Amino acid sequence: MMELKLTLLIVATLVAYAASWSCTESDWAKYKEEYNKEYDSAEIDLYHKNTFCENLINIIQNNQDYEIGEVNHKLSVTTFTDLSPTEQEEYRKSHGFKRRRGGYKPKPIEYEEEQE
Protein backbone atom coordinates (compact mmCIF):
# COMPACT_ATOMS: atom_id res chain seq x y z
CA MET A 1 0.00 0.00 0.00
CA MET A 2 2.86 2.39 0.85
CA GLU A 3 4.48 1.64 -2.52
CA LEU A 4 1.24 2.58 -4.33
CA LYS A 5 1.01 5.87 -2.42
CA LEU A 6 4.62 6.69 -3.29
CA THR A 7 4.01 5.89 -6.95
CA LEU A 8 0.91 8.09 -7.01
CA LEU A 9 2.82 10.91 -5.34
CA ILE A 10 5.61 10.67 -7.93
CA VAL A 11 3.12 10.63 -10.81
CA ALA A 12 1.21 13.62 -9.40
CA THR A 13 4.45 15.55 -8.96
CA LEU A 14 5.54 14.82 -12.52
CA VAL A 15 2.15 15.80 -13.93
CA ALA A 16 2.28 19.09 -12.02
CA TYR A 17 5.83 19.69 -13.26
CA ALA A 18 4.88 18.91 -16.87
CA ALA A 19 1.90 21.23 -16.63
CA SER A 20 4.22 24.06 -15.56
CA TRP A 21 5.98 23.93 -18.93
CA SER A 22 4.68 26.01 -21.75
CA CYS A 23 6.05 27.09 -25.06
CA THR A 24 6.92 30.77 -25.05
CA GLU A 25 7.56 33.33 -27.77
CA SER A 26 11.17 33.27 -26.57
CA ASP A 27 11.39 29.50 -27.20
CA TRP A 28 10.00 29.97 -30.70
CA ALA A 29 12.36 32.88 -31.47
CA LYS A 30 15.40 30.89 -30.23
CA TYR A 31 14.38 27.92 -32.36
CA LYS A 32 13.91 30.00 -35.51
CA GLU A 33 17.24 31.74 -34.97
CA GLU A 34 19.16 28.53 -34.20
CA TYR A 35 17.82 26.69 -37.25
CA ASN A 36 17.51 29.71 -39.59
CA LYS A 37 13.77 29.25 -40.02
CA GLU A 38 11.76 31.79 -42.00
CA TYR A 39 8.22 31.40 -43.28
CA ASP A 40 6.37 33.04 -46.18
CA SER A 41 3.49 34.41 -44.10
CA ALA A 42 2.31 35.00 -40.56
CA GLU A 43 -0.22 32.21 -41.03
CA ILE A 44 2.46 29.67 -41.97
CA ASP A 45 4.67 30.92 -39.11
CA LEU A 46 1.79 30.38 -36.66
CA TYR A 47 1.16 26.85 -38.01
CA HIS A 48 4.82 25.90 -37.52
CA LYS A 49 4.96 27.61 -34.12
CA ASN A 50 1.98 25.56 -32.92
CA THR A 51 3.55 22.36 -34.27
CA PHE A 52 6.87 23.26 -32.61
CA CYS A 53 5.14 23.90 -29.28
CA GLU A 54 3.28 20.57 -29.40
CA ASN A 55 6.52 18.76 -30.22
CA LEU A 56 8.49 20.64 -27.54
CA ILE A 57 5.97 19.64 -24.87
CA ASN A 58 6.19 16.02 -26.07
CA ILE A 59 9.99 16.16 -25.93
CA ILE A 60 9.92 17.52 -22.38
CA GLN A 61 7.40 14.90 -21.25
CA ASN A 62 9.40 12.09 -22.90
CA ASN A 63 12.59 13.23 -21.21
CA GLN A 64 10.85 13.35 -17.84
CA ASP A 65 9.67 9.79 -18.45
CA TYR A 66 13.25 8.87 -19.32
CA GLU A 67 14.49 10.28 -16.00
CA ILE A 68 12.16 7.96 -14.06
CA GLY A 69 12.86 4.94 -16.28
CA GLU A 70 9.53 4.86 -18.13
CA VAL A 71 11.22 5.07 -21.57
CA ASN A 72 14.72 4.13 -22.63
CA HIS A 73 15.55 7.12 -24.83
CA LYS A 74 15.79 10.88 -24.65
CA LEU A 75 14.56 13.27 -27.33
CA SER A 76 15.92 16.66 -28.36
CA VAL A 77 14.93 19.63 -30.46
CA THR A 78 16.10 19.36 -34.08
CA THR A 79 15.58 21.19 -37.34
CA PHE A 80 12.45 19.05 -37.78
CA THR A 81 10.75 20.04 -34.52
CA ASP A 82 8.49 22.52 -36.34
CA LEU A 83 7.16 19.75 -38.61
CA SER A 84 4.33 17.34 -37.90
CA PRO A 85 5.21 13.62 -37.89
CA THR A 86 3.68 13.30 -41.38
CA GLU A 87 5.72 16.25 -42.67
CA GLN A 88 8.88 14.81 -41.10
CA GLU A 89 8.33 11.45 -42.77
CA GLU A 90 7.61 13.09 -46.14
CA TYR A 91 10.82 15.12 -45.83
CA ARG A 92 12.89 12.05 -44.99
CA LYS A 93 11.46 10.06 -47.89
CA SER A 94 11.89 12.90 -50.41
CA HIS A 95 15.51 13.42 -49.36
CA GLY A 96 16.52 9.76 -49.28
CA PHE A 97 16.96 9.49 -45.52
CA LYS A 98 17.03 6.02 -44.06
CA ARG A 99 16.47 5.27 -40.41
CA ARG A 100 19.57 3.99 -38.70
CA ARG A 101 20.45 2.97 -35.20
CA GLY A 102 21.95 5.82 -33.19
CA GLY A 103 20.76 8.42 -35.67
CA TYR A 104 21.66 12.05 -35.89
CA LYS A 105 22.57 13.76 -32.62
CA PRO A 106 21.94 17.50 -32.95
CA LYS A 107 23.24 20.20 -30.62
CA PRO A 108 20.62 20.72 -27.89
CA ILE A 109 19.02 24.11 -27.29
CA GLU A 110 18.28 25.15 -23.74
CA TYR A 111 14.70 26.33 -23.22
CA GLU A 112 13.58 28.25 -20.18
CA GLU A 113 10.95 26.98 -17.78
CA GLU A 114 8.24 29.56 -17.39
CA GLN A 115 8.13 30.91 -13.84
CA GLU A 116 4.82 31.78 -12.20
C-alpha atoms as a PDB file:
ATOM      1  CA  MET A   1       0.000   0.000   0.000  1.00  0.00           C
ATOM      2  CA  MET A   2       2.863   2.393   0.846  1.00  0.00           C
ATOM      3  CA  GLU A   3       4.482   1.641  -2.524  1.00  0.00           C
ATOM      4  CA  LEU A   4       1.237   2.580  -4.326  1.00  0.00           C
ATOM      5  CA  LYS A   5       1.013   5.873  -2.416  1.00  0.00           C
ATOM      6  CA  LEU A   6       4.624   6.686  -3.287  1.00  0.00           C
ATOM      7  CA  THR A   7       4.010   5.887  -6.952  1.00  0.00           C
ATOM      8  CA  LEU A   8       0.908   8.089  -7.009  1.00  0.00           C
ATOM      9  CA  LEU A   9       2.825  10.908  -5.344  1.00  0.00           C
ATOM     10  CA  ILE A  10       5.607  10.673  -7.929  1.00  0.00           C
ATOM     11  CA  VAL A  11       3.117  10.629 -10.810  1.00  0.00           C
ATOM     12  CA  ALA A  12       1.207  13.616  -9.398  1.00  0.00           C
ATOM     13  CA  THR A  13       4.449  15.555  -8.964  1.00  0.00           C
ATOM     14  CA  LEU A  14       5.541  14.815 -12.525  1.00  0.00           C
ATOM     15  CA  VAL A  15       2.151  15.799 -13.928  1.00  0.00           C
ATOM     16  CA  ALA A  16       2.285  19.087 -12.024  1.00  0.00           C
ATOM     17  CA  TYR A  17       5.831  19.685 -13.258  1.00  0.00           C
ATOM     18  CA  ALA A  18       4.881  18.909 -16.871  1.00  0.00           C
ATOM     19  CA  ALA A  19       1.899  21.233 -16.634  1.00  0.00           C
ATOM     20  CA  SER A  20       4.224  24.061 -15.562  1.00  0.00           C
ATOM     21  CA  TRP A  21       5.977  23.933 -18.932  1.00  0.00           C
ATOM     22  CA  SER A  22       4.681  26.009 -21.747  1.00  0.00           C
ATOM     23  CA  CYS A  23       6.047  27.090 -25.064  1.00  0.00           C
ATOM     24  CA  THR A  24       6.921  30.767 -25.049  1.00  0.00           C
ATOM     25  CA  GLU A  25       7.561  33.329 -27.770  1.00  0.00           C
ATOM     26  CA  SER A  26      11.168  33.273 -26.574  1.00  0.00           C
ATOM     27  CA  ASP A  27      11.393  29.504 -27.195  1.00  0.00           C
ATOM     28  CA  TRP A  28      10.004  29.972 -30.704  1.00  0.00           C
ATOM     29  CA  ALA A  29      12.357  32.883 -31.471  1.00  0.00           C
ATOM     30  CA  LYS A  30      15.402  30.895 -30.228  1.00  0.00           C
ATOM     31  CA  TYR A  31      14.385  27.923 -32.356  1.00  0.00           C
ATOM     32  CA  LYS A  32      13.910  29.998 -35.510  1.00  0.00           C
ATOM     33  CA  GLU A  33      17.241  31.739 -34.972  1.00  0.00           C
ATOM     34  CA  GLU A  34      19.163  28.531 -34.200  1.00  0.00           C
ATOM     35  CA  TYR A  35      17.824  26.693 -37.251  1.00  0.00           C
ATOM     36  CA  ASN A  36      17.512  29.713 -39.587  1.00  0.00           C
ATOM     37  CA  LYS A  37      13.767  29.248 -40.015  1.00  0.00           C
ATOM     38  CA  GLU A  38      11.761  31.787 -42.005  1.00  0.00           C
ATOM     39  CA  TYR A  39       8.219  31.398 -43.283  1.00  0.00           C
ATOM     40  CA  ASP A  40       6.369  33.043 -46.178  1.00  0.00           C
ATOM     41  CA  SER A  41       3.495  34.409 -44.103  1.00  0.00           C
ATOM     42  CA  ALA A  42       2.308  35.001 -40.556  1.00  0.00           C
ATOM     43  CA  GLU A  43      -0.223  32.206 -41.031  1.00  0.00           C
ATOM     44  CA  ILE A  44       2.460  29.670 -41.973  1.00  0.00           C
ATOM     45  CA  ASP A  45       4.667  30.917 -39.113  1.00  0.00           C
ATOM     46  CA  LEU A  46       1.793  30.380 -36.663  1.00  0.00           C
ATOM     47  CA  TYR A  47       1.159  26.853 -38.006  1.00  0.00           C
ATOM     48  CA  HIS A  48       4.819  25.898 -37.518  1.00  0.00           C
ATOM     49  CA  LYS A  49       4.957  27.613 -34.116  1.00  0.00           C
ATOM     50  CA  ASN A  50       1.979  25.556 -32.920  1.00  0.00           C
ATOM     51  CA  THR A  51       3.554  22.362 -34.267  1.00  0.00           C
ATOM     52  CA  PHE A  52       6.866  23.259 -32.612  1.00  0.00           C
ATOM     53  CA  CYS A  53       5.138  23.901 -29.281  1.00  0.00           C
ATOM     54  CA  GLU A  54       3.283  20.569 -29.396  1.00  0.00           C
ATOM     55  CA  ASN A  55       6.522  18.765 -30.218  1.00  0.00           C
ATOM     56  CA  LEU A  56       8.486  20.644 -27.543  1.00  0.00           C
ATOM     57  CA  ILE A  57       5.968  19.637 -24.868  1.00  0.00           C
ATOM     58  CA  ASN A  58       6.189  16.018 -26.073  1.00  0.00           C
ATOM     59  CA  ILE A  59       9.994  16.162 -25.928  1.00  0.00           C
ATOM     60  CA  ILE A  60       9.918  17.521 -22.381  1.00  0.00           C
ATOM     61  CA  GLN A  61       7.405  14.900 -21.254  1.00  0.00           C
ATOM     62  CA  ASN A  62       9.395  12.094 -22.901  1.00  0.00           C
ATOM     63  CA  ASN A  63      12.593  13.226 -21.210  1.00  0.00           C
ATOM     64  CA  GLN A  64      10.848  13.350 -17.838  1.00  0.00           C
ATOM     65  CA  ASP A  65       9.665   9.786 -18.452  1.00  0.00           C
ATOM     66  CA  TYR A  66      13.252   8.869 -19.321  1.00  0.00           C
ATOM     67  CA  GLU A  67      14.490  10.281 -16.000  1.00  0.00           C
ATOM     68  CA  ILE A  68      12.162   7.956 -14.062  1.00  0.00           C
ATOM     69  CA  GLY A  69      12.858   4.941 -16.275  1.00  0.00           C
ATOM     70  CA  GLU A  70       9.531   4.859 -18.135  1.00  0.00           C
ATOM     71  CA  VAL A  71      11.215   5.074 -21.566  1.00  0.00           C
ATOM     72  CA  ASN A  72      14.720   4.125 -22.632  1.00  0.00           C
ATOM     73  CA  HIS A  73      15.550   7.115 -24.827  1.00  0.00           C
ATOM     74  CA  LYS A  74      15.790  10.883 -24.647  1.00  0.00           C
ATOM     75  CA  LEU A  75      14.563  13.271 -27.330  1.00  0.00           C
ATOM     76  CA  SER A  76      15.925  16.657 -28.357  1.00  0.00           C
ATOM     77  CA  VAL A  77      14.934  19.628 -30.459  1.00  0.00           C
ATOM     78  CA  THR A  78      16.105  19.362 -34.077  1.00  0.00           C
ATOM     79  CA  THR A  79      15.584  21.191 -37.337  1.00  0.00           C
ATOM     80  CA  PHE A  80      12.449  19.048 -37.779  1.00  0.00           C
ATOM     81  CA  THR A  81      10.745  20.040 -34.519  1.00  0.00           C
ATOM     82  CA  ASP A  82       8.493  22.523 -36.335  1.00  0.00           C
ATOM     83  CA  LEU A  83       7.158  19.755 -38.607  1.00  0.00           C
ATOM     84  CA  SER A  84       4.331  17.336 -37.901  1.00  0.00           C
ATOM     85  CA  PRO A  85       5.209  13.616 -37.891  1.00  0.00           C
ATOM     86  CA  THR A  86       3.677  13.303 -41.380  1.00  0.00           C
ATOM     87  CA  GLU A  87       5.723  16.246 -42.673  1.00  0.00           C
ATOM     88  CA  GLN A  88       8.876  14.813 -41.103  1.00  0.00           C
ATOM     89  CA  GLU A  89       8.334  11.446 -42.772  1.00  0.00           C
ATOM     90  CA  GLU A  90       7.611  13.088 -46.141  1.00  0.00           C
ATOM     91  CA  TYR A  91      10.822  15.116 -45.835  1.00  0.00           C
ATOM     92  CA  ARG A  92      12.886  12.051 -44.987  1.00  0.00           C
ATOM     93  CA  LYS A  93      11.464  10.063 -47.895  1.00  0.00           C
ATOM     94  CA  SER A  94      11.892  12.896 -50.407  1.00  0.00           C
ATOM     95  CA  HIS A  95      15.514  13.421 -49.359  1.00  0.00           C
ATOM     96  CA  GLY A  96      16.520   9.756 -49.281  1.00  0.00           C
ATOM     97  CA  PHE A  97      16.958   9.493 -45.520  1.00  0.00           C
ATOM     98  CA  LYS A  98      17.026   6.017 -44.063  1.00  0.00           C
ATOM     99  CA  ARG A  99      16.470   5.271 -40.414  1.00  0.00           C
ATOM    100  CA  ARG A 100      19.572   3.990 -38.698  1.00  0.00           C
ATOM    101  CA  ARG A 101      20.452   2.970 -35.200  1.00  0.00           C
ATOM    102  CA  GLY A 102      21.953   5.818 -33.192  1.00  0.00           C
ATOM    103  CA  GLY A 103      20.757   8.423 -35.674  1.00  0.00           C
ATOM    104  CA  TYR A 104      21.660  12.051 -35.886  1.00  0.00           C
ATOM    105  CA  LYS A 105      22.571  13.759 -32.617  1.00  0.00           C
ATOM    106  CA  PRO A 106      21.945  17.502 -32.949  1.00  0.00           C
ATOM    107  CA  LYS A 107      23.243  20.197 -30.625  1.00  0.00           C
ATOM    108  CA  PRO A 108      20.625  20.723 -27.888  1.00  0.00           C
ATOM    109  CA  ILE A 109      19.021  24.114 -27.294  1.00  0.00           C
ATOM    110  CA  GLU A 110      18.282  25.153 -23.744  1.00  0.00           C
ATOM    111  CA  TYR A 111      14.695  26.330 -23.220  1.00  0.00           C
ATOM    112  CA  GLU A 112      13.580  28.253 -20.178  1.00  0.00           C
ATOM    113  CA  GLU A 113      10.947  26.976 -17.784  1.00  0.00           C
ATOM    114  CA  GLU A 114       8.237  29.564 -17.385  1.00  0.00           C
ATOM    115  CA  GLN A 115       8.132  30.908 -13.838  1.00  0.00           C
ATOM    116  CA  GLU A 116       4.825  31.775 -12.198  1.00  0.00           C
END
